[in-house]
Amino acid sequence: MRQSIPFSENIQAQAKWNTLTVLDGFIIIGSIGVGFVFKSFVYEPLQLFFIAFVALATTYFVYPSIDSPNKKNYQLTWMLFRKDNNVYVASRPEIKVNDHV
């Protein structure tokens, strides 16, 4: 006797590698290619380290942020560089500690 299990046909799934998407993986692989292109500008004994650094830096920047769960690290870095220094930011009030106990 065969049982049928009802299921929704509107299944939406994203392909992920832990917390990185497949697109992030392609970006990291592409950064390795960019590292190969620019390795001629680096001192020869350090070229392998340069390629590894480019790949690891790209991995860090495409990784999701710990502080802001809906953004990636490159988005937060871009916001930091674009921040307007002329905007007023309220300072925290000073807490005075009584040293005369």
PDB file of N, CA and C in Angstrom:
ATOM      1  N   MET A   1       0.844  -1.153   0.000  1.00  0.00           N
ATOM      2  CA  MET A   1       0.000   0.000   0.000  1.00  0.00           C
ATOM      3  C   MET A   1       0.906   1.238   0.000  1.00  0.00           C
ATOM      4  N   ARG A   2       0.682   2.110  -0.923  1.00  0.00           N
ATOM      5  CA  ARG A   2       1.500   3.309  -1.099  1.00  0.00           C
ATOM      6  C   ARG A   2       0.813   4.520  -0.478  1.00  0.00           C
ATOM      7  N   GLN A   3       1.599   5.315   0.281  1.00  0.00           N
ATOM      8  CA  GLN A   3       1.065   6.534   0.868  1.00  0.00           C
ATOM      9  C   GLN A   3       1.576   7.732   0.073  1.00  0.00           C
ATOM     10  N   SER A   4       0.737   8.697  -0.058  1.00  0.00           N
ATOM     11  CA  SER A   4       1.193   9.925  -0.711  1.00  0.00           C
ATOM     12  C   SER A   4       1.268  11.037   0.328  1.00  0.00           C
ATOM     13  N   ILE A   5       2.329  11.817   0.226  1.00  0.00           N
ATOM     14  CA  ILE A   5       2.545  12.912   1.156  1.00  0.00           C
ATOM     15  C   ILE A   5       2.318  14.222   0.403  1.00  0.00           C
ATOM     16  N   PRO A   6       1.406  15.049   0.882  1.00  0.00           N
ATOM     17  CA  PRO A   6       1.183  16.319   0.185  1.00  0.00           C
ATOM     18  C   PRO A   6       2.359  17.273   0.421  1.00  0.00           C
ATOM     19  N   PHE A   7       2.719  18.016  -0.622  1.00  0.00           N
ATOM     20  CA  PHE A   7       3.784  19.003  -0.493  1.00  0.00           C
ATOM     21  C   PHE A   7       3.473  20.179  -1.405  1.00  0.00           C
ATOM     22  N   SER A   8       4.058  21.279  -1.070  1.00  0.00           N
ATOM     23  CA  SER A   8       3.852  22.492  -1.849  1.00  0.00           C
ATOM     24  C   SER A   8       4.742  22.461  -3.085  1.00  0.00           C
ATOM     25  N   GLU A   9       4.199  22.880  -4.195  1.00  0.00           N
ATOM     26  CA  GLU A   9       4.993  22.914  -5.415  1.00  0.00           C
ATOM     27  C   GLU A   9       5.779  24.212  -5.539  1.00  0.00           C
ATOM     28  N   ASN A  10       5.577  25.148  -4.643  1.00  0.00           N
ATOM     29  CA  ASN A  10       6.282  26.428  -4.669  1.00  0.00           C
ATOM     30  C   ASN A  10       7.492  26.388  -3.750  1.00  0.00           C
ATOM     31  N   ILE A  11       8.370  25.454  -4.000  1.00  0.00           N
ATOM     32  CA  ILE A  11       9.562  25.332  -3.183  1.00  0.00           C
ATOM     33  C   ILE A  11      10.620  26.265  -3.741  1.00  0.00           C
ATOM     34  N   GLN A  12      11.132  27.137  -2.868  1.00  0.00           N
ATOM     35  CA  GLN A  12      12.194  28.057  -3.262  1.00  0.00           C
ATOM     36  C   GLN A  12      13.396  27.783  -2.383  1.00  0.00           C
ATOM     37  N   ALA A  13      14.488  27.396  -3.002  1.00  0.00           N
ATOM     38  CA  ALA A  13      15.705  27.098  -2.256  1.00  0.00           C
ATOM     39  C   ALA A  13      16.871  27.831  -2.907  1.00  0.00           C
ATOM     40  N   GLN A  14      17.770  28.315  -2.072  1.00  0.00           N
ATOM     41  CA  GLN A  14      18.973  28.959  -2.565  1.00  0.00           C
ATOM     42  C   GLN A  14      20.136  28.004  -2.387  1.00  0.00           C
ATOM     43  N   ALA A  15      20.950  27.887  -3.434  1.00  0.00           N
ATOM     44  CA  ALA A  15      22.139  27.059  -3.336  1.00  0.00           C
ATOM     45  C   ALA A  15      23.170  27.797  -2.503  1.00  0.00           C
ATOM     46  N   LYS A  16      23.644  27.159  -1.423  1.00  0.00           N
ATOM     47  CA  LYS A  16      24.594  27.831  -0.530  1.00  0.00           C
ATOM     48  C   LYS A  16      25.740  26.904  -0.182  1.00  0.00           C
ATOM     49  N   TRP A  17      26.864  27.524   0.115  1.00  0.00           N
ATOM     50  CA  TRP A  17      27.983  26.820   0.722  1.00  0.00           C
ATOM     51  C   TRP A  17      28.083  27.386   2.123  1.00  0.00           C
ATOM     52  N   ASN A  18      27.607  26.695   3.119  1.00  0.00           N
ATOM     53  CA  ASN A  18      27.515  27.178   4.497  1.00  0.00           C
ATOM     54  C   ASN A  18      26.847  28.545   4.520  1.00  0.00           C
ATOM     55  N   THR A  19      27.616  29.617   4.622  1.00  0.00           N
ATOM     56  CA  THR A  19      27.025  30.943   4.642  1.00  0.00           C
ATOM     57  C   THR A  19      27.367  31.729   3.387  1.00  0.00           C
ATOM     58  N   LEU A  20      28.113  31.135   2.480  1.00  0.00           N
ATOM     59  CA  LEU A  20      28.437  31.795   1.223  1.00  0.00           C
ATOM     60  C   LEU A  20      27.551  31.233   0.122  1.00  0.00           C
ATOM     61  N   THR A  21      27.150  32.084  -0.798  1.00  0.00           N
ATOM     62  CA  THR A  21      26.350  31.613  -1.922  1.00  0.00           C
ATOM     63  C   THR A  21      27.269  31.101  -3.019  1.00  0.00           C
ATOM     64  N   VAL A  22      26.695  30.464  -4.010  1.00  0.00           N
ATOM     65  CA  VAL A  22      27.471  29.957  -5.135  1.00  0.00           C
ATOM     66  C   VAL A  22      28.095  31.129  -5.897  1.00  0.00           C
ATOM     67  N   LEU A  23      27.363  32.234  -6.007  1.00  0.00           N
ATOM     68  CA  LEU A  23      27.907  33.419  -6.664  1.00  0.00           C
ATOM     69  C   LEU A  23      29.150  33.920  -5.939  1.00  0.00           C
ATOM     70  N   ASP A  24      29.126  33.880  -4.599  1.00  0.00           N
ATOM     71  CA  ASP A  24      30.307  34.266  -3.828  1.00  0.00           C
ATOM     72  C   ASP A  24      31.486  33.345  -4.145  1.00  0.00           C
ATOM     73  N   GLY A  25      31.218  32.083  -4.320  1.00  0.00           N
ATOM     74  CA  GLY A  25      32.273  31.138  -4.693  1.00  0.00           C
ATOM     75  C   GLY A  25      32.884  31.479  -6.037  1.00  0.00           C
ATOM     76  N   PHE A  26      32.043  31.853  -7.002  1.00  0.00           N
ATOM     77  CA  PHE A  26      32.562  32.251  -8.312  1.00  0.00           C
ATOM     78  C   PHE A  26      33.366  33.549  -8.214  1.00  0.00           C
ATOM     79  N   ILE A  27      32.949  34.459  -7.351  1.00  0.00           N
ATOM     80  CA  ILE A  27      33.696  35.703  -7.160  1.00  0.00           C
ATOM     81  C   ILE A  27      35.068  35.404  -6.565  1.00  0.00           C
ATOM     82  N   ILE A  28      35.131  34.487  -5.612  1.00  0.00           N
ATOM     83  CA  ILE A  28      36.416  34.116  -5.010  1.00  0.00           C
ATOM     84  C   ILE A  28      37.321  33.455  -6.043  1.00  0.00           C
ATOM     85  N   ILE A  29      36.769  32.571  -6.851  1.00  0.00           N
ATOM     86  CA  ILE A  29      37.561  31.922  -7.908  1.00  0.00           C
ATOM     87  C   ILE A  29      38.043  32.963  -8.915  1.00  0.00           C
ATOM     88  N   GLY A  30      37.184  33.935  -9.237  1.00  0.00           N
ATOM     89  CA  GLY A  30      37.591  35.007 -10.137  1.00  0.00           C
ATOM     90  C   GLY A  30      38.697  35.857  -9.540  1.00  0.00           C
ATOM     91  N   SER A  31      38.666  36.056  -8.220  1.00  0.00           N
ATOM     92  CA  SER A  31      39.720  36.848  -7.579  1.00  0.00           C
ATOM     93  C   SER A  31      41.067  36.133  -7.644  1.00  0.00           C
ATOM     94  N   ILE A  32      41.040  34.825  -7.645  1.00  0.00           N
ATOM     95  CA  ILE A  32      42.295  34.077  -7.812  1.00  0.00           C
ATOM     96  C   ILE A  32      42.865  34.357  -9.203  1.00  0.00           C
ATOM     97  N   GLY A  33      41.991  34.423 -10.207  1.00  0.00           N
ATOM     98  CA  GLY A  33      42.429  34.784 -11.556  1.00  0.00           C
ATOM     99  C   GLY A  33      43.006  36.185 -11.616  1.00  0.00           C
ATOM    100  N   VAL A  34      42.372  37.118 -10.900  1.00  0.00           N
ATOM    101  CA  VAL A  34      42.893  38.489 -10.830  1.00  0.00           C
ATOM    102  C   VAL A  34      44.253  38.488 -10.147  1.00  0.00           C
ATOM    103  N   GLY A  35      44.416  37.672  -9.125  1.00  0.00           N
ATOM    104  CA  GLY A  35      45.712  37.552  -8.455  1.00  0.00           C
ATOM    105  C   GLY A  35      46.785  37.036  -9.400  1.00  0.00           C
ATOM    106  N   PHE A  36      46.436  36.068 -10.264  1.00  0.00           N
ATOM    107  CA  PHE A  36      47.394  35.575 -11.250  1.00  0.00           C
ATOM    108  C   PHE A  36      47.779  36.662 -12.241  1.00  0.00           C
ATOM    109  N   VAL A  37      46.822  37.487 -12.636  1.00  0.00           N
ATOM    110  CA  VAL A  37      47.108  38.553 -13.594  1.00  0.00           C
ATOM    111  C   VAL A  37      48.072  39.575 -12.984  1.00  0.00           C
ATOM    112  N   PHE A  38      47.861  39.949 -11.722  1.00  0.00           N
ATOM    113  CA  PHE A  38      48.659  40.995 -11.100  1.00  0.00           C
ATOM    114  C   PHE A  38      49.879  40.480 -10.333  1.00  0.00           C
ATOM    115  N   LYS A  39      50.142  39.183 -10.356  1.00  0.00           N
ATOM    116  CA  LYS A  39      51.271  38.660  -9.603  1.00  0.00           C
ATOM    117  C   LYS A  39      52.607  39.106 -10.174  1.00  0.00           C
ATOM    118  N   SER A  40      52.637  39.535 -11.422  1.00  0.00           N
ATOM    119  CA  SER A  40      53.898  39.988 -12.010  1.00  0.00           C
ATOM    120  C   SER A  40      54.380  41.297 -11.394  1.00  0.00           C
ATOM    121  N   PHE A  41      53.501  42.037 -10.692  1.00  0.00           N
ATOM    122  CA  PHE A  41      53.887  43.276 -10.030  1.00  0.00           C
ATOM    123  C   PHE A  41      54.479  43.037  -8.638  1.00  0.00           C
ATOM    124  N   VAL A  42      54.498  41.789  -8.203  1.00  0.00           N
ATOM    125  CA  VAL A  42      54.937  41.442  -6.846  1.00  0.00           C
ATOM    126  C   VAL A  42      56.293  40.747  -6.936  1.00  0.00           C
ATOM    127  N   TYR A  43      57.116  40.964  -5.916  1.00  0.00           N
ATOM    128  CA  TYR A  43      58.411  40.301  -5.815  1.00  0.00           C
ATOM    129  C   TYR A  43      58.226  38.791  -5.971  1.00  0.00           C
ATOM    130  N   GLU A  44      59.073  38.168  -6.806  1.00  0.00           N
ATOM    131  CA  GLU A  44      58.844  36.787  -7.240  1.00  0.00           C
ATOM    132  C   GLU A  44      58.664  35.764  -6.116  1.00  0.00           C
ATOM    133  N   PRO A  45      59.498  35.756  -5.047  1.00  0.00           N
ATOM    134  CA  PRO A  45      59.272  34.762  -3.984  1.00  0.00           C
ATOM    135  C   PRO A  45      57.948  34.955  -3.235  1.00  0.00           C
ATOM    136  N   LEU A  46      57.332  36.121  -3.337  1.00  0.00           N
ATOM    137  CA  LEU A  46      56.090  36.389  -2.614  1.00  0.00           C
ATOM    138  C   LEU A  46      54.834  36.265  -3.478  1.00  0.00           C
ATOM    139  N   GLN A  47      54.976  35.837  -4.709  1.00  0.00           N
ATOM    140  CA  GLN A  47      53.832  35.795  -5.621  1.00  0.00           C
ATOM    141  C   GLN A  47      52.754  34.821  -5.162  1.00  0.00           C
ATOM    142  N   LEU A  48      53.141  33.665  -4.661  1.00  0.00           N
ATOM    143  CA  LEU A  48      52.150  32.682  -4.190  1.00  0.00           C
ATOM    144  C   LEU A  48      51.389  33.235  -2.988  1.00  0.00           C
ATOM    145  N   PHE A  49      52.109  33.915  -2.082  1.00  0.00           N
ATOM    146  CA  PHE A  49      51.450  34.526  -0.927  1.00  0.00           C
ATOM    147  C   PHE A  49      50.504  35.640  -1.358  1.00  0.00           C
ATOM    148  N   PHE A  50      50.872  36.367  -2.408  1.00  0.00           N
ATOM    149  CA  PHE A  50      50.010  37.429  -2.929  1.00  0.00           C
ATOM    150  C   PHE A  50      48.697  36.856  -3.444  1.00  0.00           C
ATOM    151  N   ILE A  51      48.767  35.774  -4.190  1.00  0.00           N
ATOM    152  CA  ILE A  51      47.554  35.151  -4.732  1.00  0.00           C
ATOM    153  C   ILE A  51      46.681  34.637  -3.587  1.00  0.00           C
ATOM    154  N   ALA A  52      47.317  34.023  -2.587  1.00  0.00           N
ATOM    155  CA  ALA A  52      46.563  33.537  -1.427  1.00  0.00           C
ATOM    156  C   ALA A  52      45.929  34.698  -0.664  1.00  0.00           C
ATOM    157  N   PHE A  53      46.665  35.809  -0.526  1.00  0.00           N
ATOM    158  CA  PHE A  53      46.131  36.978   0.160  1.00  0.00           C
ATOM    159  C   PHE A  53      44.919  37.543  -0.576  1.00  0.00           C
ATOM    160  N   VAL A  54      44.997  37.637  -1.891  1.00  0.00           N
ATOM    161  CA  VAL A  54      43.870  38.165  -2.673  1.00  0.00           C
ATOM    162  C   VAL A  54      42.643  37.271  -2.487  1.00  0.00           C
ATOM    163  N   ALA A  55      42.836  35.958  -2.523  1.00  0.00           N
ATOM    164  CA  ALA A  55      41.719  35.028  -2.344  1.00  0.00           C
ATOM    165  C   ALA A  55      41.132  35.125  -0.934  1.00  0.00           C
ATOM    166  N   LEU A  56      41.994  35.202   0.081  1.00  0.00           N
ATOM    167  CA  LEU A  56      41.503  35.290   1.463  1.00  0.00           C
ATOM    168  C   LEU A  56      40.834  36.633   1.742  1.00  0.00           C
ATOM    169  N   ALA A  57      41.374  37.710   1.193  1.00  0.00           N
ATOM    170  CA  ALA A  57      40.756  39.023   1.384  1.00  0.00           C
ATOM    171  C   ALA A  57      39.388  39.056   0.714  1.00  0.00           C
ATOM    172  N   THR A  58      39.285  38.481  -0.466  1.00  0.00           N
ATOM    173  CA  THR A  58      37.991  38.427  -1.145  1.00  0.00           C
ATOM    174  C   THR A  58      37.004  37.585  -0.359  1.00  0.00           C
ATOM    175  N   THR A  59      37.469  36.472   0.191  1.00  0.00           N
ATOM    176  CA  THR A  59      36.601  35.623   1.007  1.00  0.00           C
ATOM    177  C   THR A  59      36.076  36.389   2.216  1.00  0.00           C
ATOM    178  N   TYR A  60      36.951  37.157   2.863  1.00  0.00           N
ATOM    179  CA  TYR A  60      36.518  37.953   4.015  1.00  0.00           C
ATOM    180  C   TYR A  60      35.455  38.976   3.601  1.00  0.00           C
ATOM    181  N   PHE A  61      35.681  39.657   2.492  1.00  0.00           N
ATOM    182  CA  PHE A  61      34.762  40.717   2.099  1.00  0.00           C
ATOM    183  C   PHE A  61      33.414  40.195   1.616  1.00  0.00           C
ATOM    184  N   VAL A  62      33.339  38.998   1.047  1.00  0.00           N
ATOM    185  CA  VAL A  62      32.041  38.469   0.609  1.00  0.00           C
ATOM    186  C   VAL A  62      31.334  37.689   1.709  1.00  0.00           C
ATOM    187  N   TYR A  63      32.022  37.472   2.826  1.00  0.00           N
ATOM    188  CA  TYR A  63      31.416  36.762   3.953  1.00  0.00           C
ATOM    189  C   TYR A  63      30.373  37.637   4.641  1.00  0.00           C
ATOM    190  N   PRO A  64      29.284  37.073   5.139  1.00  0.00           N
ATOM    191  CA  PRO A  64      28.285  37.878   5.851  1.00  0.00           C
ATOM    192  C   PRO A  64      28.865  38.500   7.113  1.00  0.00           C
ATOM    193  N   SER A  65      28.396  39.698   7.426  1.00  0.00           N
ATOM    194  CA  SER A  65      28.899  40.424   8.579  1.00  0.00           C
ATOM    195  C   SER A  65      28.351  39.828   9.870  1.00  0.00           C
ATOM    196  N   ILE A  66      29.165  39.855  10.906  1.00  0.00           N
ATOM    197  CA  ILE A  66      28.733  39.390  12.222  1.00  0.00           C
ATOM    198  C   ILE A  66      27.849  40.442  12.884  1.00  0.00           C
ATOM    199  N   ASP A  67      28.220  41.712  12.711  1.00  0.00           N
ATOM    200  CA  ASP A  67      27.501  42.796  13.372  1.00  0.00           C
ATOM    201  C   ASP A  67      26.167  43.127  12.725  1.00  0.00           C
ATOM    202  N   SER A  68      26.088  43.024  11.419  1.00  0.00           N
ATOM    203  CA  SER A  68      24.867  43.350  10.696  1.00  0.00           C
ATOM    204  C   SER A  68      24.473  42.123   9.870  1.00  0.00           C
ATOM    205  N   PRO A  69      23.509  41.337  10.325  1.00  0.00           N
ATOM    206  CA  PRO A  69      23.250  40.031   9.722  1.00  0.00           C
ATOM    207  C   PRO A  69      22.750  40.062   8.275  1.00  0.00           C
ATOM    208  N   ASN A  70      22.186  41.181   7.819  1.00  0.00           N
ATOM    209  CA  ASN A  70      21.657  41.221   6.455  1.00  0.00           C
ATOM    210  C   ASN A  70      22.620  41.837   5.457  1.00  0.00           C
ATOM    211  N   LYS A  71      23.842  42.111   5.866  1.00  0.00           N
ATOM    212  CA  LYS A  71      24.811  42.731   4.975  1.00  0.00           C
ATOM    213  C   LYS A  71      26.101  41.924   4.965  1.00  0.00           C
ATOM    214  N   LYS A  72      26.840  42.113   3.884  1.00  0.00           N
ATOM    215  CA  LYS A  72      28.141  41.464   3.773  1.00  0.00           C
ATOM    216  C   LYS A  72      29.221  42.467   4.156  1.00  0.00           C
ATOM    217  N   ASN A  73      30.415  41.967   4.421  1.00  0.00           N
ATOM    218  CA  ASN A  73      31.492  42.832   4.896  1.00  0.00           C
ATOM    219  C   ASN A  73      31.864  43.909   3.886  1.00  0.00           C
ATOM    220  N   TYR A  74      31.802  43.604   2.581  1.00  0.00           N
ATOM    221  CA  TYR A  74      32.155  44.625   1.604  1.00  0.00           C
ATOM    222  C   TYR A  74      31.126  45.754   1.602  1.00  0.00           C
ATOM    223  N   GLN A  75      29.863  45.468   1.910  1.00  0.00           N
ATOM    224  CA  GLN A  75      28.846  46.517   1.978  1.00  0.00           C
ATOM    225  C   GLN A  75      29.109  47.438   3.165  1.00  0.00           C
ATOM    226  N   LEU A  76      29.490  46.872   4.300  1.00  0.00           N
ATOM    227  CA  LEU A  76      29.786  47.691   5.471  1.00  0.00           C
ATOM    228  C   LEU A  76      31.053  48.520   5.269  1.00  0.00           C
ATOM    229  N   THR A  77      32.042  47.953   4.598  1.00  0.00           N
ATOM    230  CA  THR A  77      33.262  48.706   4.315  1.00  0.00           C
ATOM    231  C   THR A  77      32.967  49.860   3.368  1.00  0.00           C
ATOM    232  N   TRP A  78      32.134  49.624   2.363  1.00  0.00           N
ATOM    233  CA  TRP A  78      31.750  50.682   1.434  1.00  0.00           C
ATOM    234  C   TRP A  78      30.992  51.794   2.168  1.00  0.00           C
ATOM    235  N   MET A  79      30.111  51.430   3.080  1.00  0.00           N
ATOM    236  CA  MET A  79      29.389  52.436   3.862  1.00  0.00           C
ATOM    237  C   MET A  79      30.357  53.230   4.739  1.00  0.00           C
ATOM    238  N   LEU A  80      31.372  52.600   5.268  1.00  0.00           N
ATOM    239  CA  LEU A  80      32.356  53.286   6.093  1.00  0.00           C
ATOM    240  C   LEU A  80      33.107  54.341   5.284  1.00  0.00           C
ATOM    241  N   PHE A  81      33.498  54.007   4.057  1.00  0.00           N
ATOM    242  CA  PHE A  81      34.213  54.963   3.222  1.00  0.00           C
ATOM    243  C   PHE A  81      33.313  56.092   2.725  1.00  0.00           C
ATOM    244  N   ARG A  82      32.031  55.804   2.554  1.00  0.00           N
ATOM    245  CA  ARG A  82      31.101  56.817   2.058  1.00  0.00           C
ATOM    246  C   ARG A  82      30.482  57.650   3.175  1.00  0.00           C
ATOM    247  N   LYS A  83      30.791  57.348   4.419  1.00  0.00           N
ATOM    248  CA  LYS A  83      30.197  58.027   5.561  1.00  0.00           C
ATOM    249  C   LYS A  83      30.525  59.516   5.520  1.00  0.00           C
ATOM    250  N   ASP A  84      29.524  60.336   5.788  1.00  0.00           N
ATOM    251  CA  ASP A  84      29.705  61.771   5.814  1.00  0.00           C
ATOM    252  C   ASP A  84      30.157  62.183   7.215  1.00  0.00           C
ATOM    253  N   ASN A  85      31.319  62.773   7.309  1.00  0.00           N
ATOM    254  CA  ASN A  85      31.858  63.158   8.622  1.00  0.00           C
ATOM    255  C   ASN A  85      31.183  64.401   9.183  1.00  0.00           C
ATOM    256  N   ASN A  86      30.379  65.082   8.398  1.00  0.00           N
ATOM    257  CA  ASN A  86      29.720  66.298   8.855  1.00  0.00           C
ATOM    258  C   ASN A  86      28.373  66.023   9.524  1.00  0.00           C
ATOM    259  N   VAL A  87      27.974  64.771   9.607  1.00  0.00           N
ATOM    260  CA  VAL A  87      26.695  64.409  10.213  1.00  0.00           C
ATOM    261  C   VAL A  87      26.869  64.365  11.731  1.00  0.00           C
ATOM    262  N   TYR A  88      25.921  64.955  12.433  1.00  0.00           N
ATOM    263  CA  TYR A  88      25.971  64.974  13.894  1.00  0.00           C
ATOM    264  C   TYR A  88      25.691  63.597  14.455  1.00  0.00           C
ATOM    265  N   VAL A  89      26.543  63.158  15.387  1.00  0.00           N
ATOM    266  CA  VAL A  89      26.345  61.904  16.090  1.00  0.00           C
ATOM    267  C   VAL A  89      26.331  62.232  17.573  1.00  0.00           C
ATOM    268  N   ALA A  90      25.244  61.869  18.242  1.00  0.00           N
ATOM    269  CA  ALA A  90      25.123  62.169  19.665  1.00  0.00           C
ATOM    270  C   ALA A  90      26.182  61.405  20.438  1.00  0.00           C
ATOM    271  N   SER A  91      26.864  62.105  21.320  1.00  0.00           N
ATOM    272  CA  SER A  91      27.887  61.454  22.131  1.00  0.00           C
ATOM    273  C   SER A  91      27.240  60.875  23.386  1.00  0.00           C
ATOM    274  N   ARG A  92      27.900  59.906  23.935  1.00  0.00           N
ATOM    275  CA  ARG A  92      27.385  59.279  25.153  1.00  0.00           C
ATOM    276  C   ARG A  92      27.661  60.195  26.342  1.00  0.00           C
ATOM    277  N   PRO A  93      26.742  60.276  27.282  1.00  0.00           N
ATOM    278  CA  PRO A  93      27.001  61.124  28.456  1.00  0.00           C
ATOM    279  C   PRO A  93      28.102  60.514  29.316  1.00  0.00           C
ATOM    280  N   GLU A  94      28.921  61.379  29.887  1.00  0.00           N
ATOM    281  CA  GLU A  94      29.997  60.902  30.745  1.00  0.00           C
ATOM    282  C   GLU A  94      29.421  60.469  32.082  1.00  0.00           C
ATOM    283  N   ILE A  95      29.905  59.379  32.579  1.00  0.00           N
ATOM    284  CA  ILE A  95      29.494  58.887  33.889  1.00  0.00           C
ATOM    285  C   ILE A  95      30.626  59.211  34.857  1.00  0.00           C
ATOM    286  N   LYS A  96      30.317  60.037  35.820  1.00  0.00           N
ATOM    287  CA  LYS A  96      31.334  60.441  36.788  1.00  0.00           C
ATOM    288  C   LYS A  96      31.342  59.454  37.948  1.00  0.00           C
ATOM    289  N   VAL A  97      32.519  58.969  38.224  1.00  0.00           N
ATOM    290  CA  VAL A  97      32.693  58.032  39.319  1.00  0.00           C
ATOM    291  C   VAL A  97      33.221  58.793  40.522  1.00  0.00           C
ATOM    292  N   ASN A  98      32.584  58.605  41.653  1.00  0.00           N
ATOM    293  CA  ASN A  98      33.005  59.271  42.863  1.00  0.00           C
ATOM    294  C   ASN A  98      34.216  58.553  43.431  1.00  0.00           C
ATOM    295  N   ASP A  99      35.385  59.219  43.371  1.00  0.00           N
ATOM    296  CA  ASP A  99      36.620  58.614  43.868  1.00  0.00           C
ATOM    297  C   ASP A  99      36.789  58.797  45.362  1.00  0.00           C
ATOM    298  N   HIS A 100      35.969  59.612  46.015  1.00  0.00           N
ATOM    299  CA  HIS A 100      36.108  59.889  47.435  1.00  0.00           C
ATOM    300  C   HIS A 100      35.204  58.974  48.245  1.00  0.00           C
ATOM    301  N   VAL A 101      35.578  57.739  48.352  1.00  0.00           N
ATOM    302  CA  VAL A 101      34.748  56.785  49.065  1.00  0.00           C
ATOM    303  C   VAL A 101      35.125  56.695  50.500  1.00  0.00           C
TER     304      VAL A 101
END
